[in-house]
Amino acid sequence: MAHGVWADVPAAEASMTDGPAMIDPTVRALIVEAESAYTRCDWASALTAYRALLAWQPDLAQPLLLPLAISHCEIELDGSAESCARAPQPQGGDMERVRSTVLQVRALALARERDTTRASNLLRLLASYDAQFSDIYARDIYGGGSAGLALGPLDDRPPPATASLPDDAAIARLKSRTAGVRVLLIVRRFFQNLPTRQYLYADDLMRSAARFGLAAREINSYTPPPGVDQADYPDALQAAITAWRPQLIVFEDLFERGLSALPALRERIGAVLEEARRAGGVRVVKLLPDGWLPAADSIYRGLGMHFDLVNHLHPTRLPQAAARELAATFCYPFPFDNPPPTVPFGTIPRVCFVGSINTECPARVAWWAEAARIGIPLDVFLTDHAAADQRSDQDYVNLLCGYQVSVNFTRRHTGVRIATGRGFETLLAGGLLLEEDSADTRYFLKPGAHYVGFDNLTDLKQATTALLADPALRHRIAHDGHAWVEKYFTGDHFWAGLLSRLEIDRV
């Protein structure tokens, strides 16, 4: 199938027939014929077979989600027409997941081919029965409320997140006191051995630590070191701690994702950290770049035994924490660093989105299709971490800076809108950020002064039109946003916050 879901049609067909206990062999053959045509993207043949099945065996309509498959084929054959059939109510199970995945992946393929009307029609069909996409359209694409172009004056008051942080003089004193403190970064790398990618947050942590005067080493939190079996990762971690004797360990996604979340390794890794804290006086930070994702009752499990502090950038999670947990939380973005852009600001009179579309952020394909459908001049540059030909750091920064507007879609599959690294990177690159409104981002940046927020498709259209027509406004917001991120979010305040909270000094 062009949108690649079923490799084994008979096996898929068997998994879809858990409604009727027994199916006539002739009917089964027709199911296989329909699904085979569907897999080949032979929409006309699939439509004929599906319609025959529906007429002949109406009891199969819901188990096989035939109205949905029929509507899909109709949209493929007539891209300008919206579906005329409403899908059945959600029923769960493998069949629903398969049909939903097919429509999402197919819509993304169509959007990449610039057939955004057909992609939009498929996603609207999906929203007629899929709860997640129904909510995306109802609450986000066509939702109420308006962030709009609510512009605000620039002032020098720090963002709420920095209220308790040291000032510049205190940071200078702290740098002097902590010079040479040894840090072990246990972090993920998306791109291994790729010279064009040297500004991942692992790199940003390393460089910003060096600028602060710290001595840092790194070990991967998702893959074992070369030549080390996965089962031996806890031993490799222990060896790295013994060799480096860190005073501070920053462990990404500790017990949530990566190797430390594996049942076979979790307890052993916990024991290594517990011993490092007990015997070596090491302070441990649980770093959560995606702190919106873990369950509330898991974030702090092991606090005081395996780690001392949790760091994430999602203030909307703070009310979920108990008093003891809140006291052990440093809510602040990890450091950002970009290569300087090599193109002038805002020479491309359009809007760009640079990023990924995956299971954690499926709404982005709907934003893409719907924005294009109403004429928003949006160019999308997809990032695929598995692809061999990756866009370089310089390419990324130049896109963010060279376009007159850079848009960021912040909704995740859970329905929350979050602060993301892309927003800070856009501002640091000197670009103008237009972002789907998020309480997280508003905690760190000032809407209307450092960036512009939008709440729904109408907002997005209005903001895009206004910003593209006003070069002075674009320059003012981009300039002020850049200065803000450069001052607060490039590393010094992050490390000062960690070290002061943990009371770490040079020894």
Protein backbone atom coordinates (compact mmCIF):
# COMPACT_ATOMS: atom_id res chain seq x y z
CA MET A 1 0.00 0.00 0.00
CA ALA A 2 1.37 3.45 -0.83
CA HIS A 3 0.61 4.46 2.74
CA GLY A 4 2.13 1.21 4.00
CA VAL A 5 -0.04 -0.45 6.66
CA TRP A 6 -0.78 -4.06 5.74
CA ALA A 7 1.98 -6.31 4.49
CA ASP A 8 -0.11 -9.47 4.90
CA VAL A 9 -3.68 -8.95 3.71
CA PRO A 10 -5.02 -12.40 4.76
CA ALA A 11 -3.61 -11.93 8.26
CA ALA A 12 -5.09 -8.45 8.45
CA GLU A 13 -8.40 -9.74 7.15
CA ALA A 14 -8.40 -12.46 9.79
CA SER A 15 -7.78 -9.92 12.54
CA MET A 16 -10.69 -7.83 11.27
CA THR A 17 -13.31 -10.54 11.41
CA ASP A 18 -13.69 -10.87 15.15
CA GLY A 19 -17.40 -9.95 14.91
CA PRO A 20 -19.12 -12.91 13.21
CA ALA A 21 -17.76 -16.19 14.53
CA MET A 22 -17.81 -17.87 11.09
CA ILE A 23 -17.65 -16.22 7.67
CA ASP A 24 -18.63 -17.94 4.45
CA PRO A 25 -15.54 -18.70 2.30
CA THR A 26 -17.02 -16.72 -0.60
CA VAL A 27 -17.48 -13.69 1.65
CA ARG A 28 -13.98 -14.11 3.00
CA ALA A 29 -12.61 -14.16 -0.53
CA LEU A 30 -14.43 -10.92 -1.27
CA ILE A 31 -12.95 -9.34 1.87
CA VAL A 32 -9.46 -10.35 0.73
CA GLU A 33 -10.18 -8.95 -2.75
CA ALA A 34 -11.37 -5.63 -1.30
CA GLU A 35 -8.44 -5.25 1.08
CA SER A 36 -5.94 -6.27 -1.58
CA ALA A 37 -7.24 -3.56 -3.92
CA TYR A 38 -7.25 -1.05 -1.06
CA THR A 39 -3.64 -1.97 -0.22
CA ARG A 40 -2.65 -1.39 -3.87
CA CYS A 41 -4.44 1.99 -3.85
CA ASP A 42 -6.75 0.64 -6.56
CA TRP A 43 -9.56 2.75 -5.20
CA ALA A 44 -12.12 1.94 -7.90
CA SER A 45 -11.79 -1.83 -7.48
CA ALA A 46 -11.76 -1.52 -3.69
CA LEU A 47 -14.88 0.65 -3.77
CA THR A 48 -16.75 -1.84 -5.94
CA ALA A 49 -15.81 -4.73 -3.63
CA TYR A 50 -16.64 -2.82 -0.45
CA ARG A 51 -20.03 -1.80 -1.78
CA ALA A 52 -20.75 -5.40 -2.77
CA LEU A 53 -19.80 -6.56 0.72
CA LEU A 54 -22.02 -3.96 2.34
CA ALA A 55 -25.01 -4.91 0.19
CA TRP A 56 -24.46 -8.65 0.56
CA GLN A 57 -23.40 -8.82 4.21
CA PRO A 58 -24.62 -5.69 6.06
CA ASP A 59 -23.68 -7.31 9.38
CA LEU A 60 -20.03 -6.76 8.41
CA ALA A 61 -20.48 -2.98 8.16
CA GLN A 62 -19.33 -2.29 11.70
CA PRO A 63 -16.73 -5.06 12.27
CA LEU A 64 -14.94 -4.06 9.06
CA LEU A 65 -15.80 -0.34 9.24
CA LEU A 66 -17.07 -0.57 5.67
CA PRO A 67 -18.71 2.91 5.55
CA LEU A 68 -15.36 4.42 6.48
CA ALA A 69 -13.46 2.43 3.84
CA ILE A 70 -16.12 3.26 1.23
CA SER A 71 -15.97 6.97 2.06
CA HIS A 72 -12.18 6.89 1.84
CA CYS A 73 -12.31 5.39 -1.63
CA GLU A 74 -14.91 7.96 -2.73
CA ILE A 75 -12.67 10.81 -1.60
CA GLU A 76 -9.68 9.30 -3.39
CA LEU A 77 -11.69 9.03 -6.62
CA ASP A 78 -13.19 12.52 -6.31
CA GLY A 79 -10.77 14.67 -4.33
CA SER A 80 -12.99 17.74 -4.38
CA ALA A 81 -15.93 15.97 -2.74
CA GLU A 82 -16.30 15.51 0.99
CA SER A 83 -17.40 12.15 2.30
CA CYS A 84 -21.11 11.46 1.89
CA ALA A 85 -21.15 8.61 4.41
CA ARG A 86 -20.70 8.95 8.12
CA ALA A 87 -18.53 6.37 9.77
CA PRO A 88 -19.95 4.17 12.55
CA GLN A 89 -19.45 4.93 16.21
CA PRO A 90 -16.01 4.07 17.62
CA GLN A 91 -15.74 0.44 18.60
CA GLY A 92 -12.07 0.04 19.47
CA GLY A 93 -9.97 -2.93 18.47
CA ASP A 94 -7.43 -3.61 15.76
CA MET A 95 -9.71 -2.75 12.86
CA GLU A 96 -10.36 0.76 14.10
CA ARG A 97 -6.67 1.36 14.76
CA VAL A 98 -5.75 0.10 11.29
CA ARG A 99 -8.36 2.21 9.49
CA SER A 100 -7.38 5.28 11.51
CA THR A 101 -3.69 4.78 10.82
CA VAL A 102 -4.36 4.34 7.10
CA LEU A 103 -6.25 7.62 6.88
CA GLN A 104 -3.65 9.56 8.87
CA VAL A 105 -0.68 8.24 6.91
CA ARG A 106 -2.49 8.64 3.60
CA ALA A 107 -3.47 12.23 4.48
CA LEU A 108 0.16 13.02 5.28
CA ALA A 109 1.27 11.54 1.96
CA LEU A 110 -1.32 13.62 0.11
CA ALA A 111 -0.27 16.78 1.95
CA ARG A 112 3.34 16.15 0.95
CA GLU A 113 2.13 15.82 -2.65
CA ARG A 114 0.35 19.18 -2.24
CA ASP A 115 -3.06 17.52 -2.63
CA THR A 116 -4.22 19.25 0.55
CA THR A 117 -7.93 19.34 -0.37
CA ARG A 118 -8.08 15.57 -0.58
CA ALA A 119 -5.95 15.32 2.59
CA SER A 120 -8.35 17.67 4.39
CA ASN A 121 -11.36 15.64 3.30
CA LEU A 122 -9.78 12.43 4.60
CA LEU A 123 -9.00 14.02 7.95
CA ARG A 124 -12.50 15.45 8.27
CA LEU A 125 -13.82 11.96 7.56
CA LEU A 126 -11.51 10.62 10.26
CA ALA A 127 -12.79 13.26 12.68
CA SER A 128 -16.33 11.98 12.18
CA TYR A 129 -15.54 8.88 14.25
CA ASP A 130 -12.04 9.16 15.75
CA ALA A 131 -12.21 10.87 19.15
CA GLN A 132 -8.72 12.35 18.92
CA PHE A 133 -9.26 13.98 15.52
CA SER A 134 -12.77 15.02 16.45
CA ASP A 135 -11.26 16.96 19.34
CA ILE A 136 -8.49 18.39 17.15
CA TYR A 137 -11.06 19.87 14.79
CA ALA A 138 -13.57 20.93 17.43
CA ARG A 139 -11.18 22.42 19.98
CA ASP A 140 -8.18 23.49 17.91
CA ILE A 141 -8.84 23.95 14.19
CA TYR A 142 -12.35 25.39 14.62
CA GLY A 143 -12.23 26.04 18.37
CA GLY A 144 -13.56 29.05 20.17
CA GLY A 145 -11.55 31.74 21.83
CA SER A 146 -8.89 33.85 20.23
CA ALA A 147 -5.28 34.58 21.00
CA GLY A 148 -5.20 36.91 18.02
CA LEU A 149 -2.74 39.74 17.53
CA ALA A 150 -2.81 40.84 21.17
CA LEU A 151 0.37 42.87 21.06
CA GLY A 152 2.02 44.04 24.25
CA PRO A 153 4.76 46.53 25.06
CA LEU A 154 8.26 45.34 25.73
CA ASP A 155 9.48 45.67 29.30
CA ASP A 156 12.46 44.41 31.25
CA ARG A 157 10.62 42.44 33.89
CA PRO A 158 11.85 38.84 33.94
CA PRO A 159 9.50 36.00 33.01
CA PRO A 160 7.78 34.28 35.96
CA ALA A 161 10.12 31.32 35.63
CA THR A 162 13.15 33.51 36.41
CA ALA A 163 11.71 35.27 39.45
CA SER A 164 13.62 33.12 41.94
CA LEU A 165 16.81 32.76 39.89
CA PRO A 166 20.09 34.52 40.66
CA ASP A 167 20.70 37.88 38.98
CA ASP A 168 23.72 38.52 36.76
CA ALA A 169 26.01 39.38 39.67
CA ALA A 170 24.95 36.28 41.59
CA ILE A 171 25.50 34.15 38.49
CA ALA A 172 29.03 35.51 38.17
CA ARG A 173 29.75 34.64 41.80
CA LEU A 174 28.25 31.17 41.33
CA LYS A 175 30.41 30.56 38.26
CA SER A 176 33.48 31.39 40.29
CA ARG A 177 32.39 29.10 43.13
CA THR A 178 31.51 26.14 40.91
CA ALA A 179 34.30 26.34 38.32
CA GLY A 180 35.43 22.83 37.47
CA VAL A 181 32.43 21.04 39.00
CA ARG A 182 32.18 17.68 37.24
CA VAL A 183 28.90 16.90 35.49
CA LEU A 184 27.86 13.62 33.87
CA LEU A 185 25.18 14.10 31.22
CA ILE A 186 23.18 10.93 30.53
CA VAL A 187 21.19 12.08 27.53
CA ARG A 188 19.66 10.98 24.23
CA ARG A 189 21.02 11.66 20.77
CA PHE A 190 18.68 11.59 17.79
CA PHE A 191 21.43 11.70 15.18
CA GLN A 192 24.50 9.56 15.71
CA ASN A 193 27.79 10.47 14.03
CA LEU A 194 26.23 13.08 11.75
CA PRO A 195 28.63 16.02 11.39
CA THR A 196 25.91 18.38 10.14
CA ARG A 197 23.93 17.99 13.39
CA GLN A 198 25.83 19.46 16.35
CA TYR A 199 23.12 21.54 18.00
CA LEU A 200 20.95 18.90 19.63
CA TYR A 201 20.04 19.60 23.22
CA ALA A 202 22.79 17.16 24.25
CA ASP A 203 25.27 19.43 22.45
CA ASP A 204 23.65 22.54 23.89
CA LEU A 205 23.95 21.11 27.40
CA MET A 206 27.64 20.32 26.84
CA ARG A 207 28.52 23.72 25.36
CA SER A 208 26.54 25.73 27.91
CA ALA A 209 28.10 23.75 30.76
CA ALA A 210 31.55 24.58 29.42
CA ARG A 211 30.64 28.27 29.12
CA PHE A 212 29.50 28.20 32.75
CA GLY A 213 32.89 26.77 33.74
CA LEU A 214 31.72 23.22 34.44
CA ALA A 215 33.53 20.07 33.31
CA ALA A 216 31.07 17.76 31.54
CA ARG A 217 31.14 14.28 30.05
CA GLU A 218 28.35 12.46 28.25
CA ILE A 219 26.86 8.98 28.03
CA ASN A 220 23.80 8.02 25.99
CA SER A 221 20.60 7.31 27.91
CA TYR A 222 18.94 5.40 25.05
CA THR A 223 21.71 3.17 23.66
CA PRO A 224 24.64 1.44 25.36
CA PRO A 225 28.22 2.52 24.57
CA PRO A 226 29.89 0.85 21.57
CA GLY A 227 30.76 -2.75 22.28
CA VAL A 228 28.53 -2.93 25.37
CA ASP A 229 25.50 -5.22 25.43
CA GLN A 230 22.23 -3.65 26.53
CA ALA A 231 22.11 -5.95 29.54
CA ASP A 232 25.47 -4.56 30.68
CA TYR A 233 24.44 -0.90 30.49
CA PRO A 234 24.10 -0.48 34.29
CA ASP A 235 27.69 -1.74 34.67
CA ALA A 236 28.86 0.73 32.00
CA LEU A 237 27.04 3.49 33.83
CA GLN A 238 28.69 2.51 37.10
CA ALA A 239 32.09 2.48 35.39
CA ALA A 240 31.51 5.97 33.94
CA ILE A 241 30.57 7.31 37.38
CA THR A 242 33.60 5.67 39.02
CA ALA A 243 35.96 7.02 36.36
CA TRP A 244 34.59 10.58 36.25
CA ARG A 245 33.50 11.01 39.90
CA PRO A 246 30.80 13.55 39.00
CA GLN A 247 29.29 15.89 41.55
CA LEU A 248 26.18 16.28 39.39
CA ILE A 249 24.40 13.79 37.15
CA VAL A 250 21.75 15.00 34.71
CA PHE A 251 19.78 11.95 33.54
CA GLU A 252 17.31 12.43 30.69
CA ASP A 253 13.95 10.60 30.86
CA LEU A 254 15.08 8.70 33.95
CA PHE A 255 12.75 5.70 34.47
CA GLU A 256 10.33 7.13 31.84
CA ARG A 257 11.87 6.28 28.47
CA GLY A 258 15.12 4.91 27.11
CA LEU A 259 17.20 2.20 28.75
CA SER A 260 16.33 3.22 32.31
CA ALA A 261 12.64 2.50 31.63
CA LEU A 262 13.26 -1.13 30.62
CA PRO A 263 12.00 -3.50 33.33
CA ALA A 264 15.17 -5.57 33.11
CA LEU A 265 17.42 -2.55 33.72
CA ARG A 266 15.35 -0.12 35.76
CA GLU A 267 16.10 -1.55 39.20
CA ARG A 268 19.82 -1.96 38.49
CA ILE A 269 20.17 1.59 37.17
CA GLY A 270 18.29 2.83 40.22
CA ALA A 271 20.73 0.96 42.46
CA VAL A 272 23.70 2.59 40.69
CA LEU A 273 22.24 6.05 41.25
CA GLU A 274 21.27 5.29 44.83
CA GLU A 275 24.83 4.20 45.63
CA ALA A 276 26.31 7.25 43.85
CA ARG A 277 24.13 9.55 45.97
CA ARG A 278 24.77 7.67 49.23
CA ALA A 279 28.48 6.96 48.96
CA GLY A 280 29.70 9.67 46.63
CA GLY A 281 27.44 12.57 47.54
CA VAL A 282 26.39 12.92 43.91
CA ARG A 283 23.32 15.03 43.21
CA VAL A 284 21.04 13.67 40.47
CA VAL A 285 18.64 15.60 38.25
CA LYS A 286 15.84 13.87 36.36
CA LEU A 287 15.66 15.82 33.08
CA LEU A 288 12.33 15.58 31.21
CA PRO A 289 12.43 17.37 27.83
CA ASP A 290 8.93 15.97 27.25
CA GLY A 291 7.68 16.45 30.78
CA TRP A 292 4.08 16.70 29.55
CA LEU A 293 4.10 12.98 28.70
CA PRO A 294 4.72 10.89 31.87
CA ALA A 295 1.88 10.04 34.20
CA ALA A 296 1.72 12.38 37.18
CA ASP A 297 2.28 9.54 39.66
CA SER A 298 5.48 8.39 37.94
CA ILE A 299 7.41 11.66 37.61
CA TYR A 300 8.53 11.76 41.24
CA ARG A 301 8.76 8.04 41.92
CA GLY A 302 12.25 7.54 43.36
CA LEU A 303 12.65 11.15 44.57
CA GLY A 304 15.08 11.25 47.49
CA MET A 305 16.39 7.79 46.69
CA HIS A 306 17.49 7.87 43.04
CA PHE A 307 17.36 11.59 42.27
CA ASP A 308 17.15 14.96 44.00
CA LEU A 309 15.48 17.26 41.49
CA VAL A 310 13.15 17.11 38.49
CA ASN A 311 13.66 19.52 35.59
CA HIS A 312 11.02 20.11 32.91
CA LEU A 313 9.58 23.08 31.00
CA HIS A 314 5.85 22.53 31.52
CA PRO A 315 4.44 24.81 34.25
CA THR A 316 0.92 23.48 33.62
CA ARG A 317 2.10 20.30 35.37
CA LEU A 318 3.10 22.10 38.55
CA PRO A 319 -0.39 22.10 40.14
CA GLN A 320 -0.35 18.29 39.93
CA ALA A 321 2.67 18.07 42.24
CA ALA A 322 2.48 17.72 46.00
CA ALA A 323 4.30 20.25 48.18
CA ARG A 324 7.39 18.04 48.61
CA GLU A 325 7.47 17.32 44.88
CA LEU A 326 7.02 20.96 43.95
CA ALA A 327 9.94 21.88 46.17
CA ALA A 328 12.05 19.39 44.20
CA THR A 329 11.04 20.75 40.77
CA PHE A 330 13.02 23.18 38.64
CA CYS A 331 10.61 24.25 35.91
CA TYR A 332 12.85 25.83 33.30
CA PRO A 333 13.87 25.10 29.68
CA PHE A 334 17.11 23.28 29.00
CA PRO A 335 19.72 25.48 27.24
CA PHE A 336 19.41 26.44 23.58
CA ASP A 337 22.19 27.19 21.14
CA ASN A 338 22.10 27.79 17.38
CA PRO A 339 24.68 28.49 14.71
CA PRO A 340 24.29 32.10 13.51
CA PRO A 341 22.04 32.37 10.43
CA THR A 342 23.80 33.01 7.15
CA VAL A 343 20.73 34.53 5.46
CA PRO A 344 19.05 37.91 6.09
CA PHE A 345 15.92 38.03 8.20
CA GLY A 346 12.54 37.67 6.53
CA THR A 347 13.37 37.63 2.84
CA ILE A 348 10.86 34.87 2.01
CA PRO A 349 7.33 36.36 2.15
CA ARG A 350 5.66 33.22 3.40
CA VAL A 351 5.14 31.13 6.55
CA CYS A 352 7.19 28.01 7.27
CA PHE A 353 6.89 25.07 9.61
CA VAL A 354 10.01 22.98 10.23
CA GLY A 355 9.54 19.86 12.30
CA SER A 356 8.06 16.38 12.55
CA ILE A 357 4.60 14.90 12.28
CA ASN A 358 4.27 11.69 14.29
CA THR A 359 2.09 9.85 16.79
CA GLU A 360 2.88 12.40 19.50
CA CYS A 361 1.77 15.39 17.41
CA PRO A 362 -0.76 14.12 14.80
CA ALA A 363 -2.69 17.43 14.74
CA ARG A 364 0.05 18.98 12.61
CA VAL A 365 -1.10 17.21 9.47
CA ALA A 366 -4.60 18.65 9.99
CA TRP A 367 -3.17 22.15 10.48
CA TRP A 368 -1.14 21.71 7.28
CA ALA A 369 -4.09 20.54 5.20
CA GLU A 370 -6.60 23.06 6.56
CA ALA A 371 -4.20 26.01 6.36
CA ALA A 372 -3.43 25.25 2.73
CA ARG A 373 -7.12 24.76 1.97
CA ILE A 374 -7.95 28.36 2.98
CA GLY A 375 -4.95 29.86 1.22
CA ILE A 376 -2.45 30.44 4.04
CA PRO A 377 0.98 30.59 2.31
CA LEU A 378 2.51 27.84 4.45
CA ASP A 379 5.58 25.81 3.48
CA VAL A 380 6.22 22.65 5.48
CA PHE A 381 9.68 21.09 5.91
CA LEU A 382 9.36 17.73 7.62
CA THR A 383 12.04 16.30 9.89
CA ASP A 384 12.48 12.54 9.87
CA HIS A 385 14.97 11.39 12.49
CA ALA A 386 15.37 8.06 10.69
CA ALA A 387 16.19 9.53 7.28
CA ALA A 388 19.73 9.37 5.96
CA ASP A 389 19.70 12.83 4.33
CA GLN A 390 19.12 15.09 7.30
CA ARG A 391 18.75 18.86 7.09
CA SER A 392 21.82 20.45 8.66
CA ASP A 393 21.73 22.74 11.68
CA GLN A 394 22.58 25.64 9.38
CA ASP A 395 19.73 24.77 7.00
CA TYR A 396 17.33 24.63 9.94
CA VAL A 397 18.37 28.00 11.35
CA ASN A 398 18.31 29.63 7.91
CA LEU A 399 14.73 28.47 7.35
CA LEU A 400 13.63 29.85 10.72
CA CYS A 401 15.31 33.18 10.03
CA GLY A 402 14.80 33.53 6.27
CA TYR A 403 11.02 33.15 6.25
CA GLN A 404 9.05 36.18 7.36
CA VAL A 405 7.04 34.03 9.78
CA SER A 406 7.83 30.68 11.42
CA VAL A 407 4.81 28.83 12.79
CA ASN A 408 4.78 26.25 15.57
CA PHE A 409 1.92 23.83 16.29
CA THR A 410 2.08 22.82 19.95
CA ARG A 411 -0.79 20.37 20.53
CA ARG A 412 0.15 16.82 21.47
CA HIS A 413 -1.84 13.60 21.18
CA THR A 414 -3.06 13.93 24.77
CA GLY A 415 -4.74 17.23 23.87
CA VAL A 416 -2.32 19.46 25.78
CA ARG A 417 -0.50 22.37 24.19
CA ILE A 418 3.08 22.65 25.36
CA ALA A 419 6.21 24.76 25.24
CA THR A 420 8.57 23.19 22.70
CA GLY A 421 12.21 23.58 21.85
CA ARG A 422 11.30 24.80 18.37
CA GLY A 423 9.75 27.95 19.78
CA PHE A 424 12.92 28.98 21.63
CA GLU A 425 15.11 27.93 18.69
CA THR A 426 13.08 30.10 16.32
CA LEU A 427 13.60 33.18 18.47
CA LEU A 428 17.27 32.44 19.03
CA ALA A 429 17.70 32.12 15.25
CA GLY A 430 16.26 35.61 14.87
CA GLY A 431 12.97 34.46 13.37
CA LEU A 432 9.44 35.62 14.10
CA LEU A 433 7.50 33.01 16.05
CA LEU A 434 3.77 32.51 15.42
CA GLU A 435 2.70 29.79 17.84
CA GLU A 436 -0.42 27.84 18.74
CA ASP A 437 -1.27 29.40 22.08
CA SER A 438 0.13 27.54 25.09
CA ALA A 439 0.06 28.38 28.78
CA ASP A 440 3.51 26.78 29.02
CA THR A 441 5.00 29.20 26.51
CA ARG A 442 3.25 32.18 28.10
CA TYR A 443 5.03 31.29 31.36
CA PHE A 444 8.45 31.84 29.75
CA LEU A 445 7.74 34.36 26.96
CA LYS A 446 5.41 37.33 26.60
CA PRO A 447 2.84 37.00 23.79
CA GLY A 448 2.65 40.09 21.62
CA ALA A 449 6.10 41.17 22.77
CA HIS A 450 8.33 38.16 22.04
CA TYR A 451 6.07 36.11 19.77
CA VAL A 452 2.49 36.02 18.47
CA GLY A 453 -0.04 33.42 19.57
CA PHE A 454 -3.02 31.96 17.74
CA ASP A 455 -5.82 29.75 18.97
CA ASN A 456 -7.62 28.39 15.89
CA LEU A 457 -7.59 28.41 12.10
CA THR A 458 -9.26 31.82 11.85
CA ASP A 459 -6.67 33.26 14.22
CA LEU A 460 -3.88 31.71 12.18
CA LYS A 461 -5.21 33.22 8.96
CA GLN A 462 -5.65 36.68 10.48
CA ALA A 463 -2.27 36.71 12.21
CA THR A 464 -0.47 35.49 9.10
CA THR A 465 -2.08 38.15 6.94
CA ALA A 466 -1.31 40.93 9.42
CA LEU A 467 2.30 39.90 10.03
CA LEU A 468 3.18 39.41 6.37
CA ALA A 469 1.85 42.90 5.66
CA ASP A 470 3.80 44.70 8.42
CA PRO A 471 7.62 44.49 8.18
CA ALA A 472 8.20 46.92 11.06
CA LEU A 473 6.07 44.80 13.40
CA ARG A 474 7.84 41.63 12.32
CA HIS A 475 11.26 43.15 12.96
CA ARG A 476 10.26 44.51 16.38
CA ILE A 477 8.82 41.24 17.69
CA ALA A 478 11.64 39.11 16.25
CA HIS A 479 14.29 41.43 17.70
CA ASP A 480 12.75 41.52 21.17
CA GLY A 481 12.11 37.77 21.20
CA HIS A 482 15.69 37.04 20.19
CA ALA A 483 17.13 39.29 22.91
CA TRP A 484 14.91 37.65 25.53
CA VAL A 485 15.86 34.07 24.68
CA GLU A 486 19.52 34.94 24.29
CA LYS A 487 19.56 36.41 27.80
CA TYR A 488 17.50 33.87 29.71
CA PHE A 489 17.55 30.55 27.87
CA THR A 490 21.04 29.91 26.50
CA GLY A 491 22.40 28.20 29.59
CA ASP A 492 23.60 30.47 32.37
CA HIS A 493 20.24 30.72 34.12
CA PHE A 494 19.63 26.99 33.66
CA TRP A 495 22.91 25.94 35.29
CA ALA A 496 22.66 28.62 37.96
CA GLY A 497 19.18 27.37 38.80
CA LEU A 498 20.29 23.74 39.09
CA LEU A 499 23.47 24.41 41.05
CA SER A 500 21.87 26.86 43.46
CA ARG A 501 18.87 24.60 44.07
CA LEU A 502 21.16 21.64 44.72
CA GLU A 503 23.69 23.72 46.67
CA ILE A 504 26.62 22.37 44.69
CA ASP A 505 30.01 24.08 45.07
CA ARG A 506 33.49 23.23 43.85
CA VAL A 507 35.27 20.75 46.11
